[in-house]
Amino acid sequence: MLTLDSASTDKSSLDQIAKALNNNQQIIAFFIAAFVFYLAQKHVDARFFLGDARNYWQLSSYILNFSFPENLRGYFFPLLLSPAKYLSETFPQLGFLPLRILQAIAYSYILSILLPNLFLRIFGGHATLSRRLIIPCLVAIFFPGLISYPLSDLPAFALTLSSIYLLISAEQKTSRAGMYSLLFAAGLLAYGAYNTRPIYIFSLAASAIAISFIIFSSRALSTKMLATLIFTIGSAAGSIPQVMINLEHYQSPSPMVISNVGETSLFATQLKWGITIQRYETLLDKSTEKASGIYYFDPVGEEFFKSHALSETTATVPWYLGLALSEPIVFSKIYLRHFINGIDVRDHVVYTTSPSIQKSLRSAMSISVFFLGLFLLLRTILKPSLSCSTARPQTLSKLFWLIVLVIPVAAIIPGAIETRFFFPLQALCYGAIAFKTSLPTSKNLLTSKTLLLALAYVALVSYSIVTTNASMLCRTSIVFESHKAVETKPE
């Protein structure tokens, strides 16, 4: 009798613990993820800032006193970094601790709460404490550099997630004041994402379209127009500091981020580089304090570049589009290799300290995880609803939001690839693994459809591994004499 009572008491206690964990899963996941991210940053020990990371960290000193140097392209990300930079400058003994804490907290919220909640609202799924920790853990494994260095990729994605979440929430508001406030904030954050990474201008435009055709599709035309207008006003409000910067340095009241290489836009230049460069990495040699650009050239692209004498051609977007349309097969093959190199996260710390060619196991793991997530994500979108009347609208809505979130990835595929550019797509695939995975039954495993999917999965993973390993053989290293890998001081 005592044994039965004891067992009953133990079961009751376990049930209460399980219920408490489930009720507080977001808070618990947040603290665990923050701890994981802090440990990942300690492991990476990011003290050698180069390129964009160095620029953003240095420029964050100029934001709070409203002095905008000419090399400040966008103001939004340096503004986000400014609290950590202020503490590091005011208390030098803290070193990079304020930055690490800021990144651990911010990215923990984004990846354990915001992204899961938005994923569940758009694509559905089941959330538990353990499932909420899958995305942070996979990011810590495959992208520890993104959560360690002050880089714009993850913040821009996070701002877009926040904007979309506010847009979806606005439709559910019963009060007009609440709805308009969320729409205004969504517009401001969408502009912030663009200002942080200009490639997100496509997500901003797609979000504006979604207001009428997806979010408020069942509302009156006047409501759709007013909602879009308020979102646009929010974006315009976010652009005011950028207009001030452009007036000071370029005598132009433009709200756009002006980023040129000489007289050519950075985006057009990236497109031109992408014809010959499959992939780009930065290698740090701490022993010699040298930084090298590692370029993985595409033999087919190089031959095309030479045969068409493109070296002296001034790059513009219309010129590139005409060139790509004139040779669709050649460019399709180039883009396929770019895509495969983009999903191969072997350069996980961004500024890698050992050649990526030595990381074939990590490469195979990252590709395998990506395609597993991609299969689950596509199944989620294409799986019909129980109700035939709602199947098509639900599918179109999921597909549209997927496009909004990954269109920056699609837009950058023609350029010189860095794997961090693919983070939005990778994060959504991690979300599919976290919230759309279910244990298969023996009945499901033996179907011809499952076997065909398994074969397709193995074929895609194998082909991608072979392709990216072949890319590793086309490696050229260029030492940047003007960029020594000296330790960055918090100042």
Protein backbone atom coordinates (compact mmCIF):
# COMPACT_ATOMS: atom_id res chain seq x y z
CA MET A 1 0.00 0.00 0.00
CA LEU A 2 2.82 2.36 0.87
CA THR A 3 4.49 1.52 -2.40
CA LEU A 4 1.36 2.36 -4.39
CA ASP A 5 0.87 5.61 -2.50
CA SER A 6 4.52 6.53 -3.03
CA ALA A 7 4.29 5.77 -6.73
CA SER A 8 1.12 7.82 -7.00
CA THR A 9 2.78 10.75 -5.21
CA ASP A 10 5.84 10.56 -7.47
CA LYS A 11 3.65 10.50 -10.58
CA SER A 12 1.69 13.49 -9.31
CA SER A 13 4.91 15.41 -8.66
CA LEU A 14 6.24 14.60 -12.11
CA ASP A 15 2.97 15.71 -13.69
CA GLN A 16 3.15 19.01 -11.82
CA ILE A 17 6.74 19.56 -12.93
CA ALA A 18 5.86 18.75 -16.53
CA LYS A 19 2.88 21.14 -16.38
CA ALA A 20 5.05 23.91 -14.91
CA LEU A 21 7.69 23.40 -17.60
CA ASN A 22 5.05 23.55 -20.32
CA ASN A 23 3.39 26.67 -18.90
CA ASN A 24 6.73 28.47 -18.64
CA GLN A 25 8.45 26.99 -21.67
CA GLN A 26 9.18 30.35 -23.30
CA ILE A 27 10.86 31.82 -20.20
CA ILE A 28 12.86 28.68 -19.48
CA ALA A 29 13.90 28.30 -23.14
CA PHE A 30 14.98 31.95 -23.18
CA PHE A 31 17.35 31.57 -20.23
CA ILE A 32 18.78 28.26 -21.46
CA ALA A 33 19.34 29.65 -24.97
CA ALA A 34 20.97 32.80 -23.59
CA PHE A 35 23.36 30.64 -21.58
CA VAL A 36 24.13 28.48 -24.64
CA PHE A 37 24.82 31.56 -26.77
CA TYR A 38 27.06 33.08 -24.12
CA LEU A 39 29.08 29.84 -23.94
CA ALA A 40 29.30 29.78 -27.75
CA GLN A 41 30.66 33.33 -27.75
CA LYS A 42 33.20 32.43 -25.09
CA HIS A 43 34.30 29.47 -27.20
CA VAL A 44 34.66 31.55 -30.39
CA ASP A 45 36.36 34.31 -28.36
CA ALA A 46 35.72 36.98 -31.00
CA ARG A 47 38.41 39.60 -30.42
CA PHE A 48 39.68 39.99 -33.98
CA PHE A 49 37.13 42.11 -35.82
CA LEU A 50 37.54 42.55 -39.57
CA GLY A 51 35.52 43.97 -42.42
CA ASP A 52 31.87 44.56 -41.60
CA ALA A 53 32.25 43.49 -37.96
CA ARG A 54 34.98 46.07 -37.33
CA ASN A 55 33.09 48.81 -39.19
CA TYR A 56 29.81 48.27 -37.32
CA TRP A 57 31.54 48.16 -33.92
CA GLN A 58 33.54 51.33 -34.60
CA LEU A 59 30.62 53.21 -36.14
CA SER A 60 28.41 52.51 -33.13
CA SER A 61 30.50 55.11 -31.25
CA TYR A 62 29.16 57.90 -33.48
CA ILE A 63 25.44 57.23 -33.24
CA LEU A 64 24.44 58.61 -29.86
CA ASN A 65 26.13 61.98 -30.43
CA PHE A 66 24.58 62.28 -33.91
CA SER A 67 27.91 62.49 -35.75
CA PHE A 68 27.59 60.40 -38.87
CA PRO A 69 30.89 59.68 -40.70
CA GLU A 70 30.80 59.29 -44.46
CA ASN A 71 31.52 55.56 -44.32
CA LEU A 72 28.32 55.04 -42.31
CA ARG A 73 26.01 53.45 -44.86
CA GLY A 74 23.04 52.60 -42.66
CA TYR A 75 22.49 53.90 -39.14
CA PHE A 76 20.12 51.31 -37.69
CA PHE A 77 22.48 48.46 -36.77
CA PRO A 78 25.16 50.73 -35.25
CA LEU A 79 22.30 52.25 -33.21
CA LEU A 80 21.41 48.79 -31.88
CA LEU A 81 25.05 48.21 -30.95
CA SER A 82 25.51 51.60 -29.30
CA PRO A 83 24.47 50.61 -25.73
CA ALA A 84 27.10 47.85 -25.62
CA LYS A 85 29.71 50.14 -27.18
CA TYR A 86 28.91 52.90 -24.67
CA LEU A 87 29.42 50.54 -21.73
CA SER A 88 32.67 49.17 -23.21
CA GLU A 89 34.02 52.69 -23.71
CA THR A 90 32.86 53.95 -20.32
CA PHE A 91 34.14 50.90 -18.43
CA PRO A 92 37.12 49.55 -20.44
CA GLN A 93 37.71 46.87 -17.81
CA LEU A 94 34.53 45.15 -19.03
CA GLY A 95 36.08 44.47 -22.44
CA PHE A 96 33.58 42.87 -24.80
CA LEU A 97 31.34 41.59 -22.00
CA PRO A 98 28.52 44.12 -22.72
CA LEU A 99 28.49 43.08 -26.39
CA ARG A 100 28.41 39.39 -25.51
CA ILE A 101 25.60 39.83 -23.02
CA LEU A 102 23.60 42.01 -25.44
CA GLN A 103 23.97 39.44 -28.22
CA ALA A 104 23.20 36.48 -25.96
CA ILE A 105 20.01 38.09 -24.66
CA ALA A 106 18.81 39.51 -27.99
CA TYR A 107 19.49 36.37 -30.02
CA SER A 108 18.02 34.15 -27.32
CA TYR A 109 14.75 36.08 -27.47
CA ILE A 110 14.75 36.03 -31.27
CA LEU A 111 15.50 32.33 -31.70
CA SER A 112 13.74 30.77 -28.70
CA ILE A 113 10.62 32.97 -28.55
CA LEU A 114 10.06 35.26 -31.55
CA LEU A 115 10.95 32.91 -34.42
CA PRO A 116 9.18 29.87 -32.87
CA ASN A 117 6.01 31.88 -32.17
CA LEU A 118 5.93 33.32 -35.68
CA PHE A 119 6.72 29.94 -37.26
CA LEU A 120 3.83 28.36 -35.35
CA ARG A 121 1.43 31.12 -36.40
CA ILE A 122 2.32 30.83 -40.08
CA PHE A 123 3.16 27.16 -40.58
CA GLY A 124 1.65 25.48 -37.51
CA GLY A 125 3.27 22.82 -35.39
CA HIS A 126 3.67 21.77 -31.79
CA ALA A 127 5.83 23.65 -29.27
CA THR A 128 7.45 22.21 -26.18
CA LEU A 129 10.44 23.34 -24.15
CA SER A 130 12.75 20.87 -25.88
CA ARG A 131 11.46 21.84 -29.33
CA ARG A 132 12.01 25.55 -28.63
CA LEU A 133 15.67 24.82 -27.90
CA ILE A 134 16.34 23.05 -31.21
CA ILE A 135 16.76 26.26 -33.24
CA PRO A 136 19.15 27.93 -30.73
CA CYS A 137 21.21 24.75 -30.43
CA LEU A 138 21.51 24.29 -34.20
CA VAL A 139 22.45 27.96 -34.62
CA ALA A 140 25.09 27.63 -31.88
CA ILE A 141 26.50 24.56 -33.68
CA PHE A 142 26.47 25.79 -37.27
CA PHE A 143 26.52 29.61 -36.92
CA PRO A 144 28.45 30.46 -33.73
CA GLY A 145 30.19 33.29 -35.60
CA LEU A 146 26.91 35.09 -36.30
CA ILE A 147 26.08 35.24 -32.60
CA SER A 148 29.66 36.21 -31.66
CA TYR A 149 30.58 39.01 -34.08
CA PRO A 150 28.64 42.27 -34.52
CA LEU A 151 27.34 41.38 -37.99
CA SER A 152 24.12 42.53 -39.60
CA ASP A 153 22.75 39.24 -40.98
CA LEU A 154 20.89 37.98 -37.93
CA PRO A 155 19.69 41.44 -36.75
CA ALA A 156 18.20 42.22 -40.18
CA PHE A 157 16.38 38.88 -40.19
CA ALA A 158 15.18 39.49 -36.64
CA LEU A 159 13.81 42.93 -37.54
CA THR A 160 11.90 41.38 -40.44
CA LEU A 161 10.50 38.67 -38.14
CA SER A 162 9.41 41.36 -35.69
CA SER A 163 7.76 43.40 -38.43
CA ILE A 164 5.81 40.42 -39.77
CA TYR A 165 4.72 39.40 -36.27
CA LEU A 166 3.38 42.91 -35.64
CA LEU A 167 1.58 42.94 -38.99
CA ILE A 168 -0.17 39.65 -38.25
CA SER A 169 -1.02 40.83 -34.72
CA ALA A 170 -2.42 44.13 -36.05
CA GLU A 171 -5.18 42.33 -37.93
CA GLN A 172 -6.39 40.74 -34.69
CA LYS A 173 -6.58 44.03 -32.77
CA THR A 174 -10.12 45.13 -31.97
CA SER A 175 -9.22 48.77 -31.37
CA ARG A 176 -8.20 50.99 -34.25
CA ALA A 177 -5.54 52.73 -32.15
CA GLY A 178 -3.91 49.40 -31.31
CA MET A 179 -4.05 48.23 -34.93
CA TYR A 180 -2.55 51.47 -36.29
CA SER A 181 0.19 51.49 -33.65
CA LEU A 182 1.29 47.98 -34.59
CA LEU A 183 1.20 48.82 -38.31
CA PHE A 184 3.34 51.92 -37.74
CA ALA A 185 5.87 49.95 -35.66
CA ALA A 186 5.92 47.18 -38.27
CA GLY A 187 6.79 49.70 -40.98
CA LEU A 188 9.54 51.22 -38.87
CA LEU A 189 11.09 47.80 -38.15
CA ALA A 190 10.80 46.74 -41.80
CA TYR A 191 12.74 49.85 -42.78
CA GLY A 192 15.23 49.06 -40.01
CA ALA A 193 15.82 45.64 -41.57
CA TYR A 194 16.45 47.26 -44.97
CA ASN A 195 18.70 49.90 -43.42
CA THR A 196 20.67 47.16 -41.65
CA ARG A 197 21.04 45.02 -44.80
CA PRO A 198 19.86 46.74 -48.01
CA ILE A 199 18.98 43.39 -49.62
CA TYR A 200 15.95 43.36 -47.27
CA ILE A 201 14.31 46.05 -49.38
CA PHE A 202 12.62 43.15 -51.15
CA SER A 203 11.12 41.91 -47.85
CA LEU A 204 9.94 45.44 -47.05
CA ALA A 205 8.15 45.71 -50.40
CA ALA A 206 6.67 42.20 -50.08
CA SER A 207 5.42 42.99 -46.56
CA ALA A 208 3.62 46.09 -47.88
CA ILE A 209 1.95 43.92 -50.52
CA ALA A 210 0.97 41.34 -47.89
CA ILE A 211 -1.08 43.90 -45.96
CA SER A 212 -3.79 44.04 -48.62
CA PHE A 213 -3.56 40.57 -50.16
CA ILE A 214 -2.81 38.37 -47.14
CA ILE A 215 -3.35 40.03 -43.76
CA PHE A 216 -6.37 42.27 -44.45
CA SER A 217 -7.63 40.34 -47.47
CA SER A 218 -11.15 40.03 -46.04
CA ARG A 219 -11.41 43.69 -44.99
CA ALA A 220 -12.85 46.62 -46.92
CA LEU A 221 -10.73 48.36 -49.55
CA SER A 222 -10.53 51.51 -47.42
CA THR A 223 -9.10 49.52 -44.49
CA LYS A 224 -6.51 47.90 -46.74
CA MET A 225 -5.41 51.25 -48.15
CA LEU A 226 -5.24 52.92 -44.73
CA ALA A 227 -3.30 50.00 -43.24
CA THR A 228 -0.78 50.12 -46.08
CA LEU A 229 -0.47 53.89 -45.72
CA ILE A 230 0.27 53.67 -41.99
CA PHE A 231 2.86 50.95 -42.60
CA THR A 232 4.46 53.22 -45.21
CA ILE A 233 4.44 56.17 -42.80
CA GLY A 234 6.22 54.01 -40.23
CA SER A 235 8.88 53.15 -42.80
CA ALA A 236 9.22 56.83 -43.71
CA ALA A 237 9.68 57.74 -40.05
CA GLY A 238 12.46 55.18 -39.76
CA SER A 239 14.19 56.69 -42.78
CA ILE A 240 14.50 60.23 -41.33
CA PRO A 241 18.01 59.74 -39.84
CA GLN A 242 19.14 58.18 -43.12
CA VAL A 243 17.85 61.21 -45.02
CA MET A 244 19.93 63.42 -42.69
CA ILE A 245 23.03 61.30 -43.37
CA ASN A 246 22.51 61.44 -47.13
CA LEU A 247 21.94 65.19 -47.06
CA GLU A 248 25.18 65.72 -45.13
CA HIS A 249 27.42 63.52 -47.26
CA TYR A 250 25.71 63.22 -50.66
CA GLN A 251 23.52 66.35 -50.78
CA SER A 252 20.58 64.07 -51.46
CA PRO A 253 17.35 63.76 -49.42
CA SER A 254 17.09 60.09 -50.38
CA PRO A 255 15.83 57.61 -47.73
CA MET A 256 17.84 54.86 -49.39
CA VAL A 257 21.10 53.40 -48.11
CA ILE A 258 23.75 54.63 -50.57
CA SER A 259 26.45 51.98 -50.95
CA ASN A 260 28.71 52.22 -53.96
CA VAL A 261 32.00 50.68 -55.06
CA GLY A 262 33.50 53.63 -56.92
CA GLU A 263 30.76 54.85 -59.21
CA THR A 264 28.97 51.49 -59.28
CA SER A 265 26.37 50.23 -56.83
CA LEU A 266 27.54 47.53 -54.44
CA PHE A 267 24.69 45.24 -55.47
CA ALA A 268 25.57 45.45 -59.18
CA THR A 269 29.24 44.87 -58.35
CA GLN A 270 28.29 41.80 -56.31
CA LEU A 271 26.37 40.44 -59.31
CA LYS A 272 29.41 40.89 -61.54
CA TRP A 273 31.73 39.23 -59.02
CA GLY A 274 29.29 36.34 -58.72
CA ILE A 275 29.89 35.28 -62.30
CA THR A 276 33.36 34.03 -61.43
CA ILE A 277 33.30 33.65 -57.61
CA GLN A 278 31.26 30.78 -56.19
CA ARG A 279 32.05 31.48 -52.59
CA TYR A 280 34.04 33.85 -50.40
CA GLU A 281 35.57 33.48 -46.92
CA THR A 282 37.92 35.44 -44.68
CA LEU A 283 40.79 33.48 -43.11
CA LEU A 284 42.62 34.80 -40.05
CA ASP A 285 46.18 33.71 -39.33
CA LYS A 286 46.78 34.74 -35.72
CA SER A 287 50.43 33.68 -35.81
CA THR A 288 51.30 36.16 -38.58
CA GLU A 289 48.49 38.64 -37.82
CA LYS A 290 47.40 38.47 -41.45
CA ALA A 291 43.94 38.26 -42.97
CA SER A 292 43.34 36.55 -46.29
CA GLY A 293 40.42 36.61 -48.64
CA ILE A 294 39.67 33.07 -49.78
CA TYR A 295 38.01 33.02 -53.19
CA TYR A 296 36.50 29.86 -54.65
CA PHE A 297 36.35 30.47 -58.39
CA ASP A 298 33.91 28.88 -60.80
CA PRO A 299 35.80 27.52 -63.86
CA VAL A 300 32.69 27.82 -66.05
CA GLY A 301 32.07 31.37 -64.86
CA GLU A 302 35.72 32.34 -65.41
CA GLU A 303 35.60 31.04 -68.99
CA PHE A 304 32.36 32.93 -69.63
CA PHE A 305 33.87 36.09 -68.11
CA LYS A 306 36.91 35.88 -70.40
CA SER A 307 35.03 34.93 -73.54
CA HIS A 308 32.71 37.91 -73.15
CA ALA A 309 35.52 40.31 -72.12
CA LEU A 310 33.68 41.47 -69.00
CA SER A 311 36.66 42.67 -66.98
CA GLU A 312 36.34 46.30 -68.12
CA THR A 313 32.54 46.36 -68.21
CA THR A 314 30.81 48.69 -65.76
CA ALA A 315 28.29 46.65 -63.80
CA THR A 316 24.67 47.75 -63.65
CA VAL A 317 21.60 45.72 -62.76
CA PRO A 318 19.96 46.08 -66.24
CA TRP A 319 23.27 45.05 -67.88
CA TYR A 320 23.48 41.98 -65.68
CA LEU A 321 19.86 40.96 -66.26
CA GLY A 322 20.36 41.18 -70.04
CA LEU A 323 23.52 39.09 -69.79
CA ALA A 324 21.87 36.42 -67.62
CA LEU A 325 18.82 36.19 -69.90
CA SER A 326 21.05 35.79 -72.93
CA GLU A 327 22.70 32.68 -71.43
CA PRO A 328 20.07 31.07 -69.16
CA ILE A 329 21.68 27.61 -69.05
CA VAL A 330 25.13 28.90 -68.11
CA PHE A 331 23.76 31.15 -65.39
CA SER A 332 21.41 28.46 -64.07
CA LYS A 333 24.41 26.19 -63.50
CA ILE A 334 26.33 29.02 -61.83
CA TYR A 335 23.37 29.74 -59.53
CA LEU A 336 23.01 26.06 -58.61
CA ARG A 337 26.64 25.93 -57.48
CA HIS A 338 26.16 29.19 -55.58
CA PHE A 339 23.14 27.74 -53.79
CA ILE A 340 24.98 24.56 -52.79
CA ASN A 341 27.95 26.55 -51.51
CA GLY A 342 25.55 28.77 -49.59
CA ILE A 343 23.99 25.89 -47.64
CA ASP A 344 27.41 24.37 -46.85
CA VAL A 345 28.20 25.95 -43.48
CA ARG A 346 31.74 24.71 -43.04
CA ASP A 347 33.03 28.25 -42.33
CA HIS A 348 30.92 28.42 -39.19
CA VAL A 349 32.84 31.13 -37.30
CA VAL A 350 32.67 33.67 -40.19
CA TYR A 351 36.29 34.79 -39.79
CA THR A 352 37.66 31.27 -39.85
CA THR A 353 41.08 30.42 -38.47
CA SER A 354 41.63 27.16 -40.37
CA PRO A 355 41.04 26.37 -44.07
CA SER A 356 37.49 25.24 -44.81
CA ILE A 357 38.75 22.48 -47.07
CA GLN A 358 39.67 20.62 -43.87
CA LYS A 359 36.07 20.63 -42.58
CA SER A 360 34.35 18.05 -44.77
CA LEU A 361 32.52 16.39 -41.86
CA ARG A 362 31.00 19.68 -40.69
CA SER A 363 30.09 20.39 -44.31
CA ALA A 364 28.26 17.07 -44.70
CA MET A 365 26.44 17.57 -41.40
CA SER A 366 25.25 21.08 -42.28
CA ILE A 367 24.02 19.99 -45.72
CA SER A 368 22.23 16.94 -44.30
CA VAL A 369 20.45 19.00 -41.63
CA PHE A 370 19.51 21.67 -44.18
CA PHE A 371 17.81 19.26 -46.60
CA LEU A 372 15.99 17.50 -43.78
CA GLY A 373 14.56 20.84 -42.72
CA LEU A 374 13.82 21.87 -46.30
CA PHE A 375 11.86 18.68 -46.97
CA LEU A 376 9.82 19.22 -43.80
CA LEU A 377 9.24 22.89 -44.65
CA LEU A 378 8.02 22.14 -48.17
CA ARG A 379 5.78 19.36 -46.89
CA THR A 380 4.30 21.82 -44.40
CA ILE A 381 3.47 24.30 -47.14
CA LEU A 382 2.14 21.80 -49.68
CA LYS A 383 0.24 19.53 -47.29
CA PRO A 384 -3.48 20.09 -47.93
CA SER A 385 -5.78 21.29 -45.20
CA LEU A 386 -8.50 19.04 -43.77
CA SER A 387 -11.01 21.45 -45.28
CA CYS A 388 -10.84 21.69 -49.07
CA SER A 389 -12.37 25.17 -48.99
CA THR A 390 -9.47 26.57 -46.96
CA ALA A 391 -6.64 24.50 -48.45
CA ARG A 392 -5.72 26.87 -51.27
CA PRO A 393 -5.78 30.13 -49.21
CA GLN A 394 -3.73 28.50 -46.44
CA THR A 395 -1.16 27.20 -48.91
CA LEU A 396 -0.89 30.58 -50.66
CA SER A 397 -0.53 32.37 -47.32
CA LYS A 398 2.26 30.04 -46.13
CA LEU A 399 4.01 30.31 -49.49
CA PHE A 400 3.80 34.10 -49.53
CA TRP A 401 5.25 34.47 -46.02
CA LEU A 402 8.01 32.04 -46.94
CA ILE A 403 8.84 34.27 -49.92
CA VAL A 404 8.87 37.40 -47.72
CA LEU A 405 11.33 35.77 -45.33
CA VAL A 406 13.71 34.19 -47.85
CA ILE A 407 13.58 36.65 -50.76
CA PRO A 408 16.82 38.30 -49.53
CA VAL A 409 18.49 34.90 -49.86
CA ALA A 410 17.16 34.42 -53.39
CA ALA A 411 18.29 37.92 -54.36
CA ILE A 412 21.85 37.31 -53.17
CA ILE A 413 22.33 33.92 -54.88
CA PRO A 414 23.74 35.51 -58.08
CA GLY A 415 26.41 37.36 -56.07
CA ALA A 416 29.62 36.20 -54.41
CA ILE A 417 28.32 33.86 -51.73
CA GLU A 418 29.08 33.93 -48.04
CA THR A 419 27.20 31.25 -46.11
CA ARG A 420 25.92 33.77 -43.55
CA PHE A 421 23.78 35.28 -46.34
CA PHE A 422 21.70 32.07 -46.27
CA PHE A 423 20.86 32.29 -42.57
CA PRO A 424 17.14 33.16 -43.02
CA LEU A 425 16.52 30.01 -45.07
CA GLN A 426 18.62 27.91 -42.70
CA ALA A 427 16.71 29.25 -39.67
CA LEU A 428 13.35 28.36 -41.23
CA CYS A 429 14.62 24.85 -41.98
CA TYR A 430 15.72 24.53 -38.36
CA GLY A 431 12.21 25.68 -37.38
CA ALA A 432 10.67 22.94 -39.52
CA ILE A 433 12.89 20.35 -37.79
CA ALA A 434 11.90 21.74 -34.40
CA PHE A 435 8.15 22.04 -34.83
CA LYS A 436 7.13 19.81 -37.74
CA THR A 437 9.01 16.62 -36.92
CA SER A 438 7.00 13.64 -35.72
CA LEU A 439 8.01 10.07 -35.06
CA PRO A 440 7.11 7.94 -38.10
CA THR A 441 5.12 4.77 -37.66
CA SER A 442 6.16 1.47 -39.22
CA LYS A 443 3.20 1.82 -41.58
CA ASN A 444 4.43 5.22 -42.84
CA LEU A 445 8.00 4.00 -43.28
CA LEU A 446 7.05 1.24 -45.71
CA THR A 447 5.15 3.34 -48.25
CA SER A 448 6.50 3.93 -51.75
CA LYS A 449 6.14 7.70 -51.25
CA THR A 450 8.39 7.62 -48.17
CA LEU A 451 10.98 5.50 -49.97
CA LEU A 452 11.02 7.89 -52.94
CA LEU A 453 11.47 10.87 -50.61
CA ALA A 454 14.31 9.08 -48.83
CA LEU A 455 16.02 8.38 -52.16
CA ALA A 456 15.56 12.00 -53.26
CA TYR A 457 17.01 13.17 -49.95
CA VAL A 458 20.08 10.94 -50.24
CA ALA A 459 20.59 11.98 -53.87
CA LEU A 460 20.39 15.73 -53.09
CA VAL A 461 22.68 15.47 -50.07
CA SER A 462 25.22 13.36 -51.98
CA TYR A 463 25.20 15.64 -55.03
CA SER A 464 25.61 18.73 -52.84
CA ILE A 465 28.51 17.23 -50.92
CA VAL A 466 30.30 16.27 -54.13
CA THR A 467 29.68 19.71 -55.65
CA THR A 468 30.88 21.72 -52.66
CA ASN A 469 33.97 19.53 -52.21
CA ALA A 470 34.76 20.18 -55.88
CA SER A 471 34.44 23.92 -55.19
CA MET A 472 37.06 23.61 -52.45
CA LEU A 473 39.62 22.65 -55.12
CA CYS A 474 39.19 26.02 -56.89
CA ARG A 475 40.61 27.97 -53.97
CA THR A 476 42.67 31.16 -54.30
CA SER A 477 44.06 33.05 -51.32
CA ILE A 478 44.81 36.78 -51.38
CA VAL A 479 46.51 38.30 -48.33
CA PHE A 480 45.14 41.71 -47.35
CA GLU A 481 48.24 43.65 -46.40
CA SER A 482 46.15 46.54 -45.10
CA HIS A 483 44.02 44.31 -42.85
CA LYS A 484 46.12 42.84 -40.09
CA ALA A 485 44.35 40.50 -37.74
CA VAL A 486 45.17 42.60 -34.71
CA GLU A 487 43.02 42.35 -31.63
CA THR A 488 40.19 44.85 -31.61
CA LYS A 489 40.01 46.91 -28.44
CA PRO A 490 36.67 47.76 -26.85
CA GLU A 491 37.91 51.36 -26.53
